N, C-alpha and C. Protein backbone atom coordinates (compact mmCIF):
# COMPACT_ATOMS: atom_id res chain seq x y z
N MET A 1 29.11 -1.06 -10.21
CA MET A 1 28.02 -0.49 -9.43
C MET A 1 26.77 -1.35 -9.59
N SER A 2 26.12 -1.66 -8.47
CA SER A 2 24.92 -2.48 -8.53
C SER A 2 23.76 -1.66 -9.09
N ARG A 3 22.78 -2.36 -9.63
CA ARG A 3 21.62 -1.71 -10.24
C ARG A 3 20.78 -1.00 -9.18
N LYS A 4 20.32 0.20 -9.50
CA LYS A 4 19.51 0.95 -8.55
C LYS A 4 18.07 0.44 -8.54
N ILE A 5 17.40 0.65 -7.41
CA ILE A 5 16.00 0.27 -7.25
C ILE A 5 15.14 1.37 -7.88
N LYS A 6 14.39 1.03 -8.91
CA LYS A 6 13.58 2.02 -9.63
C LYS A 6 12.21 2.15 -8.95
N ILE A 7 11.83 3.40 -8.63
CA ILE A 7 10.65 3.66 -7.81
C ILE A 7 9.68 4.60 -8.51
N LEU A 8 8.39 4.29 -8.37
CA LEU A 8 7.32 5.17 -8.83
C LEU A 8 6.54 5.62 -7.60
N ILE A 9 6.33 6.93 -7.48
CA ILE A 9 5.53 7.51 -6.39
C ILE A 9 4.13 7.80 -6.92
N ALA A 10 3.09 7.39 -6.17
CA ALA A 10 1.71 7.72 -6.54
C ALA A 10 1.02 8.30 -5.30
N ASP A 11 0.83 9.62 -5.30
CA ASP A 11 0.19 10.29 -4.17
C ASP A 11 -0.40 11.61 -4.67
N ASP A 12 -1.59 11.97 -4.19
CA ASP A 12 -2.24 13.17 -4.70
C ASP A 12 -1.88 14.43 -3.92
N HIS A 13 -1.03 14.33 -2.89
CA HIS A 13 -0.64 15.50 -2.11
C HIS A 13 0.80 15.92 -2.46
N ALA A 14 0.94 17.17 -2.89
CA ALA A 14 2.24 17.68 -3.33
C ALA A 14 3.28 17.63 -2.22
N VAL A 15 2.87 17.93 -1.00
CA VAL A 15 3.81 17.92 0.13
C VAL A 15 4.36 16.52 0.36
N VAL A 16 3.49 15.53 0.27
CA VAL A 16 3.92 14.14 0.47
C VAL A 16 4.85 13.73 -0.66
N ARG A 17 4.49 14.07 -1.89
CA ARG A 17 5.35 13.72 -3.03
C ARG A 17 6.74 14.33 -2.88
N ARG A 18 6.78 15.57 -2.43
CA ARG A 18 8.07 16.23 -2.24
C ARG A 18 8.89 15.54 -1.16
N GLY A 19 8.22 15.17 -0.07
CA GLY A 19 8.93 14.48 1.01
C GLY A 19 9.49 13.14 0.57
N LEU A 20 8.67 12.38 -0.16
CA LEU A 20 9.13 11.08 -0.66
C LEU A 20 10.27 11.24 -1.65
N THR A 21 10.16 12.25 -2.50
CA THR A 21 11.22 12.52 -3.47
C THR A 21 12.54 12.82 -2.77
N GLN A 22 12.47 13.59 -1.69
CA GLN A 22 13.67 13.93 -0.93
C GLN A 22 14.30 12.69 -0.32
N ILE A 23 13.47 11.83 0.28
CA ILE A 23 13.97 10.60 0.90
C ILE A 23 14.66 9.72 -0.15
N ILE A 24 14.01 9.57 -1.29
CA ILE A 24 14.56 8.74 -2.37
C ILE A 24 15.88 9.30 -2.87
N SER A 25 15.96 10.63 -3.00
CA SER A 25 17.18 11.25 -3.53
C SER A 25 18.38 11.07 -2.61
N GLU A 26 18.11 10.85 -1.32
CA GLU A 26 19.20 10.71 -0.35
C GLU A 26 19.70 9.27 -0.23
N ALA A 27 19.04 8.34 -0.88
CA ALA A 27 19.47 6.94 -0.86
C ALA A 27 20.23 6.64 -2.16
N SER A 28 21.47 6.31 -2.06
CA SER A 28 22.31 6.14 -3.25
C SER A 28 21.88 4.98 -4.14
N ASP A 29 21.14 4.02 -3.58
CA ASP A 29 20.72 2.87 -4.36
C ASP A 29 19.29 3.00 -4.87
N PHE A 30 18.67 4.19 -4.71
CA PHE A 30 17.31 4.42 -5.19
C PHE A 30 17.32 5.32 -6.42
N GLU A 31 16.35 5.12 -7.31
CA GLU A 31 16.17 6.00 -8.46
C GLU A 31 14.68 6.25 -8.67
N LEU A 32 14.28 7.51 -8.61
CA LEU A 32 12.88 7.88 -8.86
C LEU A 32 12.68 7.98 -10.36
N VAL A 33 11.76 7.15 -10.89
CA VAL A 33 11.56 7.13 -12.34
C VAL A 33 10.21 7.72 -12.75
N GLY A 34 9.34 8.03 -11.79
CA GLY A 34 8.05 8.60 -12.16
C GLY A 34 7.24 9.02 -10.95
N ILE A 35 6.29 9.95 -11.20
CA ILE A 35 5.38 10.43 -10.16
C ILE A 35 3.97 10.48 -10.75
N ALA A 36 3.00 9.97 -9.99
CA ALA A 36 1.59 10.01 -10.39
C ALA A 36 0.80 10.75 -9.32
N GLU A 37 -0.22 11.51 -9.76
CA GLU A 37 -0.97 12.34 -8.84
C GLU A 37 -2.38 11.82 -8.56
N ASP A 38 -2.78 10.74 -9.22
CA ASP A 38 -4.08 10.12 -8.93
C ASP A 38 -4.02 8.65 -9.31
N GLY A 39 -5.09 7.93 -8.99
CA GLY A 39 -5.10 6.49 -9.21
C GLY A 39 -5.00 6.08 -10.67
N VAL A 40 -5.67 6.82 -11.54
CA VAL A 40 -5.64 6.49 -12.97
C VAL A 40 -4.23 6.66 -13.54
N GLU A 41 -3.58 7.77 -13.18
CA GLU A 41 -2.22 8.02 -13.64
C GLU A 41 -1.25 7.00 -13.05
N ALA A 42 -1.49 6.60 -11.81
CA ALA A 42 -0.64 5.60 -11.17
C ALA A 42 -0.69 4.28 -11.94
N LEU A 43 -1.88 3.88 -12.31
CA LEU A 43 -2.04 2.63 -13.05
C LEU A 43 -1.37 2.70 -14.41
N SER A 44 -1.55 3.84 -15.09
CA SER A 44 -0.95 4.01 -16.41
C SER A 44 0.57 3.98 -16.35
N LYS A 45 1.16 4.71 -15.41
CA LYS A 45 2.62 4.77 -15.32
C LYS A 45 3.21 3.46 -14.81
N ALA A 46 2.48 2.77 -13.95
CA ALA A 46 2.96 1.47 -13.47
C ALA A 46 3.07 0.48 -14.62
N GLN A 47 2.20 0.63 -15.60
CA GLN A 47 2.23 -0.26 -16.76
C GLN A 47 3.33 0.12 -17.74
N GLU A 48 3.53 1.42 -17.95
CA GLU A 48 4.44 1.85 -19.02
C GLU A 48 5.90 1.98 -18.59
N LEU A 49 6.14 2.17 -17.29
CA LEU A 49 7.51 2.38 -16.82
C LEU A 49 8.14 1.09 -16.28
N GLU A 50 9.44 1.03 -16.38
CA GLU A 50 10.17 -0.09 -15.78
C GLU A 50 10.47 0.28 -14.32
N ILE A 51 9.76 -0.36 -13.40
CA ILE A 51 9.92 -0.04 -11.98
C ILE A 51 10.04 -1.31 -11.16
N ASP A 52 10.66 -1.14 -9.99
CA ASP A 52 10.80 -2.25 -9.05
C ASP A 52 9.83 -2.13 -7.89
N VAL A 53 9.57 -0.87 -7.48
CA VAL A 53 8.71 -0.62 -6.32
C VAL A 53 7.75 0.52 -6.62
N LEU A 54 6.49 0.30 -6.31
CA LEU A 54 5.47 1.35 -6.41
C LEU A 54 5.09 1.79 -5.00
N LEU A 55 5.30 3.08 -4.69
CA LEU A 55 4.86 3.65 -3.42
C LEU A 55 3.48 4.24 -3.67
N LEU A 56 2.46 3.60 -3.14
CA LEU A 56 1.08 3.88 -3.53
C LEU A 56 0.25 4.40 -2.36
N ASP A 57 -0.25 5.62 -2.51
CA ASP A 57 -1.14 6.20 -1.50
C ASP A 57 -2.45 5.42 -1.47
N TYR A 58 -2.97 5.21 -0.27
CA TYR A 58 -4.23 4.46 -0.16
C TYR A 58 -5.42 5.25 -0.71
N ASP A 59 -5.51 6.52 -0.37
CA ASP A 59 -6.72 7.30 -0.65
C ASP A 59 -6.43 8.36 -1.70
N MET A 60 -6.72 8.04 -2.97
CA MET A 60 -6.48 8.98 -4.06
C MET A 60 -7.73 9.14 -4.90
N PRO A 61 -7.88 10.27 -5.60
CA PRO A 61 -9.02 10.44 -6.50
C PRO A 61 -8.90 9.53 -7.71
N GLY A 62 -10.04 9.25 -8.32
CA GLY A 62 -10.05 8.39 -9.51
C GLY A 62 -10.14 6.92 -9.15
N LYS A 63 -9.06 6.39 -8.61
CA LYS A 63 -9.04 5.01 -8.14
C LYS A 63 -8.28 5.01 -6.82
N ASN A 64 -8.83 4.33 -5.80
CA ASN A 64 -8.08 4.29 -4.54
C ASN A 64 -7.04 3.19 -4.59
N GLY A 65 -6.25 3.11 -3.53
CA GLY A 65 -5.13 2.19 -3.50
C GLY A 65 -5.49 0.74 -3.72
N LEU A 66 -6.62 0.32 -3.16
CA LEU A 66 -7.03 -1.08 -3.30
C LEU A 66 -7.38 -1.39 -4.75
N ASP A 67 -8.05 -0.45 -5.42
CA ASP A 67 -8.38 -0.62 -6.83
C ASP A 67 -7.11 -0.73 -7.68
N VAL A 68 -6.20 0.23 -7.47
CA VAL A 68 -4.96 0.26 -8.26
C VAL A 68 -4.12 -0.99 -7.99
N LEU A 69 -4.03 -1.37 -6.73
CA LEU A 69 -3.25 -2.56 -6.38
C LEU A 69 -3.75 -3.79 -7.11
N ALA A 70 -5.05 -4.01 -7.10
CA ALA A 70 -5.62 -5.19 -7.75
C ALA A 70 -5.31 -5.20 -9.24
N GLN A 71 -5.44 -4.05 -9.90
CA GLN A 71 -5.20 -3.99 -11.34
C GLN A 71 -3.72 -4.10 -11.68
N VAL A 72 -2.88 -3.45 -10.89
CA VAL A 72 -1.44 -3.51 -11.14
C VAL A 72 -0.93 -4.94 -10.98
N LYS A 73 -1.37 -5.62 -9.93
CA LYS A 73 -0.88 -6.98 -9.67
C LYS A 73 -1.38 -7.97 -10.73
N SER A 74 -2.52 -7.67 -11.34
CA SER A 74 -3.01 -8.56 -12.40
C SER A 74 -2.17 -8.41 -13.67
N ILE A 75 -1.56 -7.22 -13.83
CA ILE A 75 -0.74 -6.95 -15.02
C ILE A 75 0.73 -7.25 -14.76
N LYS A 76 1.21 -6.83 -13.58
CA LYS A 76 2.61 -7.06 -13.20
C LYS A 76 2.65 -7.76 -11.84
N PRO A 77 2.40 -9.05 -11.82
CA PRO A 77 2.32 -9.77 -10.54
C PRO A 77 3.59 -9.74 -9.71
N ARG A 78 4.74 -9.50 -10.35
CA ARG A 78 6.01 -9.49 -9.61
C ARG A 78 6.38 -8.11 -9.05
N LEU A 79 5.62 -7.10 -9.42
CA LEU A 79 5.92 -5.75 -8.95
C LEU A 79 5.67 -5.64 -7.45
N SER A 80 6.61 -5.04 -6.74
CA SER A 80 6.47 -4.83 -5.30
C SER A 80 5.75 -3.51 -5.05
N VAL A 81 4.69 -3.57 -4.26
CA VAL A 81 3.88 -2.38 -3.97
C VAL A 81 3.86 -2.14 -2.47
N ILE A 82 4.22 -0.91 -2.07
CA ILE A 82 4.11 -0.50 -0.67
C ILE A 82 2.98 0.51 -0.56
N ILE A 83 2.00 0.20 0.27
CA ILE A 83 0.88 1.10 0.48
C ILE A 83 1.24 2.13 1.55
N LEU A 84 0.97 3.40 1.24
CA LEU A 84 1.19 4.49 2.19
C LEU A 84 -0.17 5.04 2.62
N SER A 85 -0.34 5.27 3.92
CA SER A 85 -1.64 5.72 4.40
C SER A 85 -1.50 6.55 5.66
N ILE A 86 -2.48 7.44 5.88
CA ILE A 86 -2.50 8.19 7.14
C ILE A 86 -3.02 7.33 8.28
N PHE A 87 -3.61 6.18 7.93
CA PHE A 87 -4.19 5.31 8.94
C PHE A 87 -3.18 4.28 9.44
N PRO A 88 -3.21 3.96 10.73
CA PRO A 88 -2.27 2.99 11.29
C PRO A 88 -2.36 1.64 10.58
N GLU A 89 -1.24 0.97 10.50
CA GLU A 89 -1.16 -0.28 9.75
C GLU A 89 -2.08 -1.36 10.27
N GLU A 90 -2.38 -1.36 11.57
CA GLU A 90 -3.22 -2.43 12.11
C GLU A 90 -4.66 -2.35 11.61
N HIS A 91 -5.06 -1.19 11.05
CA HIS A 91 -6.43 -1.04 10.56
C HIS A 91 -6.60 -1.54 9.12
N TYR A 92 -5.58 -1.35 8.29
CA TYR A 92 -5.70 -1.69 6.88
C TYR A 92 -4.63 -2.65 6.36
N GLY A 93 -3.54 -2.77 7.08
CA GLY A 93 -2.39 -3.50 6.58
C GLY A 93 -2.67 -4.91 6.12
N ALA A 94 -3.38 -5.68 6.94
CA ALA A 94 -3.63 -7.08 6.61
C ALA A 94 -4.42 -7.22 5.31
N ARG A 95 -5.42 -6.35 5.11
CA ARG A 95 -6.23 -6.42 3.89
C ARG A 95 -5.38 -6.19 2.65
N PHE A 96 -4.48 -5.22 2.71
CA PHE A 96 -3.64 -4.93 1.56
C PHE A 96 -2.61 -6.03 1.31
N LEU A 97 -2.08 -6.61 2.36
CA LEU A 97 -1.14 -7.72 2.18
C LEU A 97 -1.83 -8.90 1.51
N LYS A 98 -3.06 -9.17 1.93
CA LYS A 98 -3.82 -10.27 1.33
C LYS A 98 -4.14 -9.98 -0.14
N ALA A 99 -4.26 -8.68 -0.47
CA ALA A 99 -4.58 -8.29 -1.85
C ALA A 99 -3.34 -8.24 -2.75
N GLY A 100 -2.16 -8.46 -2.17
CA GLY A 100 -0.96 -8.53 -2.99
C GLY A 100 0.11 -7.50 -2.71
N ALA A 101 -0.12 -6.59 -1.76
CA ALA A 101 0.91 -5.61 -1.42
C ALA A 101 2.09 -6.29 -0.75
N SER A 102 3.26 -5.70 -0.91
CA SER A 102 4.46 -6.24 -0.28
C SER A 102 4.77 -5.54 1.04
N GLY A 103 4.07 -4.43 1.30
CA GLY A 103 4.31 -3.70 2.53
C GLY A 103 3.25 -2.65 2.75
N TYR A 104 3.17 -2.16 3.98
CA TYR A 104 2.20 -1.12 4.35
C TYR A 104 2.87 -0.22 5.37
N LEU A 105 2.83 1.09 5.10
CA LEU A 105 3.47 2.05 6.00
C LEU A 105 2.53 3.21 6.29
N GLY A 106 2.43 3.59 7.56
CA GLY A 106 1.72 4.80 7.90
C GLY A 106 2.57 5.99 7.49
N LYS A 107 1.93 7.09 7.10
CA LYS A 107 2.68 8.26 6.64
C LYS A 107 3.42 8.95 7.78
N SER A 108 3.14 8.53 9.00
CA SER A 108 3.87 9.09 10.14
C SER A 108 5.17 8.34 10.40
N ALA A 109 5.43 7.30 9.59
CA ALA A 109 6.65 6.50 9.77
C ALA A 109 7.89 7.34 9.51
N ALA A 110 8.98 6.99 10.15
CA ALA A 110 10.25 7.69 9.96
C ALA A 110 10.81 7.40 8.58
N PRO A 111 11.56 8.33 8.00
CA PRO A 111 12.17 8.11 6.68
C PRO A 111 13.01 6.83 6.63
N GLU A 112 13.68 6.51 7.74
CA GLU A 112 14.50 5.29 7.78
C GLU A 112 13.66 4.04 7.57
N GLN A 113 12.41 4.08 8.07
CA GLN A 113 11.52 2.93 7.89
C GLN A 113 11.16 2.76 6.42
N LEU A 114 10.91 3.87 5.75
CA LEU A 114 10.57 3.79 4.33
C LEU A 114 11.74 3.22 3.53
N VAL A 115 12.93 3.69 3.82
CA VAL A 115 14.11 3.19 3.12
C VAL A 115 14.27 1.69 3.37
N GLU A 116 14.11 1.28 4.61
CA GLU A 116 14.21 -0.14 4.94
C GLU A 116 13.15 -0.95 4.21
N ALA A 117 11.92 -0.41 4.17
CA ALA A 117 10.82 -1.12 3.52
C ALA A 117 11.07 -1.29 2.03
N VAL A 118 11.53 -0.23 1.37
CA VAL A 118 11.79 -0.29 -0.07
C VAL A 118 12.86 -1.33 -0.38
N ARG A 119 13.93 -1.31 0.38
CA ARG A 119 15.01 -2.28 0.14
C ARG A 119 14.54 -3.72 0.38
N LYS A 120 13.72 -3.89 1.38
CA LYS A 120 13.27 -5.25 1.71
C LYS A 120 12.35 -5.80 0.63
N VAL A 121 11.36 -5.00 0.20
CA VAL A 121 10.42 -5.52 -0.80
C VAL A 121 11.07 -5.64 -2.17
N ALA A 122 12.04 -4.75 -2.46
CA ALA A 122 12.75 -4.85 -3.74
C ALA A 122 13.54 -6.14 -3.82
N GLY A 123 13.93 -6.66 -2.66
CA GLY A 123 14.66 -7.93 -2.61
C GLY A 123 13.76 -9.14 -2.54
N GLY A 124 12.46 -8.90 -2.67
CA GLY A 124 11.51 -10.01 -2.67
C GLY A 124 10.85 -10.29 -1.34
N GLY A 125 11.15 -9.46 -0.34
CA GLY A 125 10.58 -9.68 0.98
C GLY A 125 9.27 -8.93 1.18
N THR A 126 8.73 -9.05 2.40
CA THR A 126 7.51 -8.36 2.80
C THR A 126 7.83 -7.50 4.00
N TYR A 127 7.33 -6.28 3.99
CA TYR A 127 7.61 -5.38 5.11
C TYR A 127 6.34 -5.10 5.89
N ILE A 128 6.36 -5.42 7.19
CA ILE A 128 5.26 -5.05 8.08
C ILE A 128 5.86 -4.49 9.36
N GLY A 129 5.16 -3.52 9.93
CA GLY A 129 5.61 -2.91 11.17
C GLY A 129 5.25 -3.76 12.37
N SER A 130 5.72 -3.35 13.52
CA SER A 130 5.51 -4.14 14.75
C SER A 130 4.05 -4.23 15.14
N ALA A 131 3.27 -3.15 14.92
CA ALA A 131 1.86 -3.17 15.32
C ALA A 131 1.08 -4.21 14.52
N LEU A 132 1.32 -4.25 13.21
CA LEU A 132 0.63 -5.23 12.37
C LEU A 132 1.13 -6.64 12.67
N ALA A 133 2.42 -6.78 12.91
CA ALA A 133 2.97 -8.09 13.24
C ALA A 133 2.32 -8.64 14.51
N ASP A 134 2.17 -7.79 15.53
CA ASP A 134 1.53 -8.22 16.77
C ASP A 134 0.08 -8.62 16.53
N LYS A 135 -0.62 -7.84 15.72
CA LYS A 135 -2.03 -8.12 15.43
C LYS A 135 -2.17 -9.48 14.73
N LEU A 136 -1.30 -9.74 13.75
CA LEU A 136 -1.37 -11.00 13.02
C LEU A 136 -1.04 -12.19 13.92
N VAL A 137 -0.08 -12.00 14.82
CA VAL A 137 0.28 -13.08 15.75
C VAL A 137 -0.90 -13.39 16.67
N PHE A 138 -1.53 -12.35 17.21
CA PHE A 138 -2.68 -12.55 18.08
C PHE A 138 -3.79 -13.31 17.36
N GLU A 139 -4.04 -12.93 16.10
CA GLU A 139 -5.11 -13.58 15.35
C GLU A 139 -4.78 -15.03 15.03
N LEU A 140 -3.50 -15.29 14.71
CA LEU A 140 -3.09 -16.67 14.44
C LEU A 140 -3.25 -17.55 15.67
N LYS A 141 -2.99 -16.97 16.83
CA LYS A 141 -3.12 -17.72 18.08
C LYS A 141 -4.57 -17.80 18.56
N GLY A 142 -5.44 -17.07 17.87
CA GLY A 142 -6.84 -17.07 18.29
C GLY A 142 -7.08 -16.24 19.53
N GLU A 143 -6.13 -15.35 19.86
CA GLU A 143 -6.26 -14.55 21.07
C GLU A 143 -7.05 -13.28 20.85
N LYS A 144 -7.26 -12.94 19.58
CA LYS A 144 -7.98 -11.71 19.30
C LYS A 144 -8.84 -11.91 18.06
N GLU A 145 -10.13 -11.65 18.20
CA GLU A 145 -11.04 -11.81 17.07
C GLU A 145 -10.99 -10.55 16.21
N GLY A 146 -10.98 -10.73 14.90
CA GLY A 146 -10.92 -9.59 14.01
C GLY A 146 -12.18 -8.74 14.09
N ALA A 147 -12.05 -7.46 13.80
CA ALA A 147 -13.19 -6.56 13.80
C ALA A 147 -14.15 -6.93 12.68
N PRO A 148 -15.45 -6.59 12.81
CA PRO A 148 -16.43 -6.96 11.78
C PRO A 148 -16.05 -6.51 10.37
N HIS A 149 -15.48 -5.30 10.22
CA HIS A 149 -15.15 -4.82 8.87
C HIS A 149 -14.05 -5.64 8.21
N GLU A 150 -13.28 -6.37 8.99
CA GLU A 150 -12.21 -7.20 8.43
C GLU A 150 -12.78 -8.43 7.73
N ARG A 151 -14.05 -8.71 7.97
CA ARG A 151 -14.69 -9.87 7.33
C ARG A 151 -15.38 -9.49 6.01
N LEU A 152 -15.33 -8.21 5.66
CA LEU A 152 -15.89 -7.79 4.38
C LEU A 152 -15.00 -8.25 3.23
N THR A 153 -15.61 -8.60 2.11
CA THR A 153 -14.81 -8.89 0.92
C THR A 153 -14.19 -7.59 0.42
N ASP A 154 -13.22 -7.69 -0.49
CA ASP A 154 -12.59 -6.48 -1.00
C ASP A 154 -13.61 -5.55 -1.66
N ARG A 155 -14.53 -6.11 -2.45
CA ARG A 155 -15.52 -5.28 -3.12
C ARG A 155 -16.47 -4.64 -2.10
N GLU A 156 -16.88 -5.41 -1.11
CA GLU A 156 -17.72 -4.85 -0.06
C GLU A 156 -16.99 -3.73 0.67
N PHE A 157 -15.71 -3.94 0.90
CA PHE A 157 -14.93 -2.93 1.61
C PHE A 157 -14.79 -1.67 0.76
N GLN A 158 -14.62 -1.82 -0.55
CA GLN A 158 -14.53 -0.67 -1.43
C GLN A 158 -15.80 0.17 -1.36
N VAL A 159 -16.95 -0.49 -1.36
CA VAL A 159 -18.23 0.21 -1.26
C VAL A 159 -18.37 0.84 0.12
N PHE A 160 -18.03 0.07 1.15
CA PHE A 160 -18.09 0.57 2.52
C PHE A 160 -17.27 1.85 2.67
N TYR A 161 -16.04 1.83 2.20
CA TYR A 161 -15.16 2.98 2.37
C TYR A 161 -15.70 4.21 1.65
N ARG A 162 -16.21 4.01 0.46
CA ARG A 162 -16.72 5.14 -0.32
C ARG A 162 -17.97 5.74 0.32
N ILE A 163 -18.85 4.89 0.83
CA ILE A 163 -20.03 5.41 1.53
C ILE A 163 -19.59 6.17 2.78
N ALA A 164 -18.62 5.61 3.49
CA ALA A 164 -18.14 6.23 4.73
C ALA A 164 -17.53 7.60 4.48
N THR A 165 -16.96 7.80 3.29
CA THR A 165 -16.36 9.09 2.97
C THR A 165 -17.34 10.03 2.28
N GLY A 166 -18.62 9.65 2.25
CA GLY A 166 -19.67 10.55 1.79
C GLY A 166 -20.02 10.49 0.32
N LYS A 167 -19.56 9.49 -0.40
CA LYS A 167 -19.87 9.42 -1.82
C LYS A 167 -21.27 8.87 -2.07
N LYS A 168 -21.90 9.36 -3.12
CA LYS A 168 -23.23 8.91 -3.50
C LYS A 168 -23.14 7.59 -4.24
N LEU A 169 -24.25 6.83 -4.22
CA LEU A 169 -24.25 5.52 -4.85
C LEU A 169 -23.92 5.60 -6.34
N LYS A 170 -24.42 6.63 -7.02
CA LYS A 170 -24.14 6.76 -8.45
C LYS A 170 -22.65 6.97 -8.70
N ASP A 171 -22.03 7.79 -7.87
CA ASP A 171 -20.59 8.04 -8.02
C ASP A 171 -19.79 6.77 -7.75
N ILE A 172 -20.23 6.01 -6.76
CA ILE A 172 -19.56 4.74 -6.45
C ILE A 172 -19.69 3.78 -7.62
N ALA A 173 -20.89 3.72 -8.19
CA ALA A 173 -21.12 2.84 -9.34
C ALA A 173 -20.21 3.22 -10.50
N ASP A 174 -20.08 4.53 -10.75
CA ASP A 174 -19.22 4.99 -11.86
C ASP A 174 -17.76 4.63 -11.60
N GLU A 175 -17.30 4.84 -10.37
CA GLU A 175 -15.90 4.57 -10.04
C GLU A 175 -15.55 3.09 -10.14
N LEU A 176 -16.49 2.24 -9.73
CA LEU A 176 -16.23 0.80 -9.71
C LEU A 176 -16.70 0.10 -10.99
N ALA A 177 -17.31 0.89 -11.90
CA ALA A 177 -17.80 0.34 -13.17
C ALA A 177 -18.81 -0.78 -12.95
N ILE A 178 -19.74 -0.55 -12.03
CA ILE A 178 -20.83 -1.50 -11.78
C ILE A 178 -22.13 -0.70 -11.72
N SER A 179 -23.27 -1.39 -11.71
CA SER A 179 -24.55 -0.70 -11.70
C SER A 179 -24.89 -0.19 -10.30
N ILE A 180 -25.81 0.79 -10.25
CA ILE A 180 -26.25 1.31 -8.97
C ILE A 180 -26.94 0.20 -8.16
N ASN A 181 -27.67 -0.68 -8.84
CA ASN A 181 -28.33 -1.79 -8.16
C ASN A 181 -27.31 -2.71 -7.49
N THR A 182 -26.20 -2.92 -8.18
CA THR A 182 -25.14 -3.76 -7.59
C THR A 182 -24.52 -3.09 -6.38
N VAL A 183 -24.31 -1.77 -6.48
CA VAL A 183 -23.79 -1.02 -5.34
C VAL A 183 -24.75 -1.13 -4.16
N SER A 184 -26.04 -1.02 -4.43
CA SER A 184 -27.05 -1.13 -3.37
C SER A 184 -27.01 -2.50 -2.71
N THR A 185 -26.76 -3.52 -3.54
CA THR A 185 -26.67 -4.88 -2.99
C THR A 185 -25.48 -5.00 -2.05
N TYR A 186 -24.33 -4.46 -2.49
CA TYR A 186 -23.15 -4.50 -1.63
C TYR A 186 -23.38 -3.70 -0.35
N ARG A 187 -24.05 -2.55 -0.48
CA ARG A 187 -24.35 -1.73 0.70
C ARG A 187 -25.18 -2.53 1.70
N SER A 188 -26.18 -3.25 1.20
CA SER A 188 -27.03 -4.05 2.08
C SER A 188 -26.22 -5.14 2.80
N ARG A 189 -25.30 -5.76 2.06
CA ARG A 189 -24.45 -6.80 2.66
C ARG A 189 -23.55 -6.21 3.74
N VAL A 190 -23.01 -5.03 3.46
CA VAL A 190 -22.13 -4.37 4.43
C VAL A 190 -22.90 -4.04 5.71
N LEU A 191 -24.07 -3.44 5.55
CA LEU A 191 -24.87 -3.08 6.72
C LEU A 191 -25.22 -4.33 7.53
N ASP A 192 -25.52 -5.41 6.83
CA ASP A 192 -25.88 -6.66 7.51
C ASP A 192 -24.69 -7.24 8.27
N LYS A 193 -23.53 -7.27 7.62
CA LYS A 193 -22.34 -7.85 8.26
C LYS A 193 -21.86 -7.01 9.45
N LEU A 194 -22.08 -5.70 9.37
CA LEU A 194 -21.63 -4.83 10.45
C LEU A 194 -22.73 -4.56 11.47
N ASP A 195 -23.92 -5.16 11.23
CA ASP A 195 -25.08 -4.98 12.12
C ASP A 195 -25.44 -3.50 12.26
N LEU A 196 -25.52 -2.83 11.11
CA LEU A 196 -25.85 -1.41 11.08
C LEU A 196 -27.17 -1.21 10.32
N LYS A 197 -27.77 -0.03 10.50
CA LYS A 197 -29.09 0.21 9.90
C LYS A 197 -29.08 1.26 8.78
N SER A 198 -28.10 2.16 8.79
CA SER A 198 -28.15 3.27 7.84
C SER A 198 -26.74 3.73 7.47
N ASN A 199 -26.67 4.62 6.48
CA ASN A 199 -25.39 5.20 6.10
C ASN A 199 -24.78 5.99 7.25
N ALA A 200 -25.62 6.65 8.03
CA ALA A 200 -25.12 7.41 9.18
C ALA A 200 -24.45 6.48 10.18
N ASP A 201 -25.06 5.32 10.41
CA ASP A 201 -24.45 4.33 11.30
C ASP A 201 -23.11 3.87 10.75
N LEU A 202 -23.07 3.69 9.43
CA LEU A 202 -21.85 3.22 8.78
C LEU A 202 -20.73 4.24 8.95
N ILE A 203 -21.06 5.52 8.76
CA ILE A 203 -20.06 6.58 8.91
C ILE A 203 -19.55 6.63 10.35
N HIS A 204 -20.46 6.52 11.31
CA HIS A 204 -20.05 6.52 12.72
C HIS A 204 -19.15 5.33 13.03
N TYR A 205 -19.47 4.18 12.43
CA TYR A 205 -18.64 2.98 12.63
C TYR A 205 -17.23 3.23 12.10
N ALA A 206 -17.15 3.80 10.89
CA ALA A 206 -15.84 4.06 10.28
C ALA A 206 -15.03 5.05 11.11
N LEU A 207 -15.67 6.07 11.63
CA LEU A 207 -14.98 7.04 12.47
C LEU A 207 -14.52 6.42 13.77
N ARG A 208 -15.40 5.63 14.38
CA ARG A 208 -15.09 5.01 15.67
C ARG A 208 -13.91 4.04 15.56
N ASN A 209 -13.79 3.41 14.41
CA ASN A 209 -12.70 2.44 14.19
C ASN A 209 -11.50 3.03 13.48
N HIS A 210 -11.50 4.37 13.35
CA HIS A 210 -10.37 5.10 12.73
C HIS A 210 -10.08 4.64 11.31
N LEU A 211 -11.15 4.33 10.57
CA LEU A 211 -11.01 3.89 9.18
C LEU A 211 -11.09 5.05 8.21
N ILE A 212 -11.59 6.19 8.66
CA ILE A 212 -11.60 7.43 7.91
C ILE A 212 -11.20 8.55 8.86
N GLY A 213 -10.78 9.67 8.29
CA GLY A 213 -10.42 10.80 9.13
C GLY A 213 -11.65 11.50 9.66
N GLY A 214 -11.57 11.99 10.86
CA GLY A 214 -12.71 12.68 11.46
C GLY A 214 -12.44 14.14 11.70
C-alpha cells in the first residue's frame, strides 16, 4: 500500500472543518492528522505534526493566512500549502502563489477540485483554477494591467486588509508585532498607492473589488 497524504486543516468555521473532514475521509489515499481553529494553532500544529499538505483558511483570527503561510514556509519550505478562501481566486490567488502557496481554492469549489488539488500539490505540483490561469496569461501577455492593490507589498497588503475589515491601528500593530507608527506609515503608503484619502475610501475600494465581504 502506498503512503497516504497527511493533511492538516486550519479553519475557524466548524461547518467548513466538518465538510473538509468528510471530503478527506472519502479519499482512500488521504489521512487527516490534525485540525486547527485559528492562525496561531495552525502555525503550532504545522510545526509539530508530520504533514504533507496544509489546507489553510485565508481569514482566521490571531494570524491570517498570509501571516501563517510566510512563517510556515520559513520553517518548512517544502510543505505544500493550499489556501482556502470565500473570495474568487483571481482576487488573491497570485499573491499567495508568490508568497509560497502551492494552490488556491475558493470555498465554493467542488469537492472533486479539492481532491485534485491536494493530490497535485502533494506530488510537488502547483494547483490553480482556470480563472487565475487566464488572469496570469493575460498579464504575461501585457493584455491586462493588474489592479492597484496588486502592487502593494505583502506587509502593505496585510495592513490594507486589516483596515478594510475595520481593525484599529493598535490592534493591527499588536497582530503584526510592529509599532503603531509603523502601521501608520504603511497606511499612508497604501492610501498613496491606491490614490485614496481616508479609511472610508479604503473600505469602499476593498468592497468594490470584492476583497472583503460586504
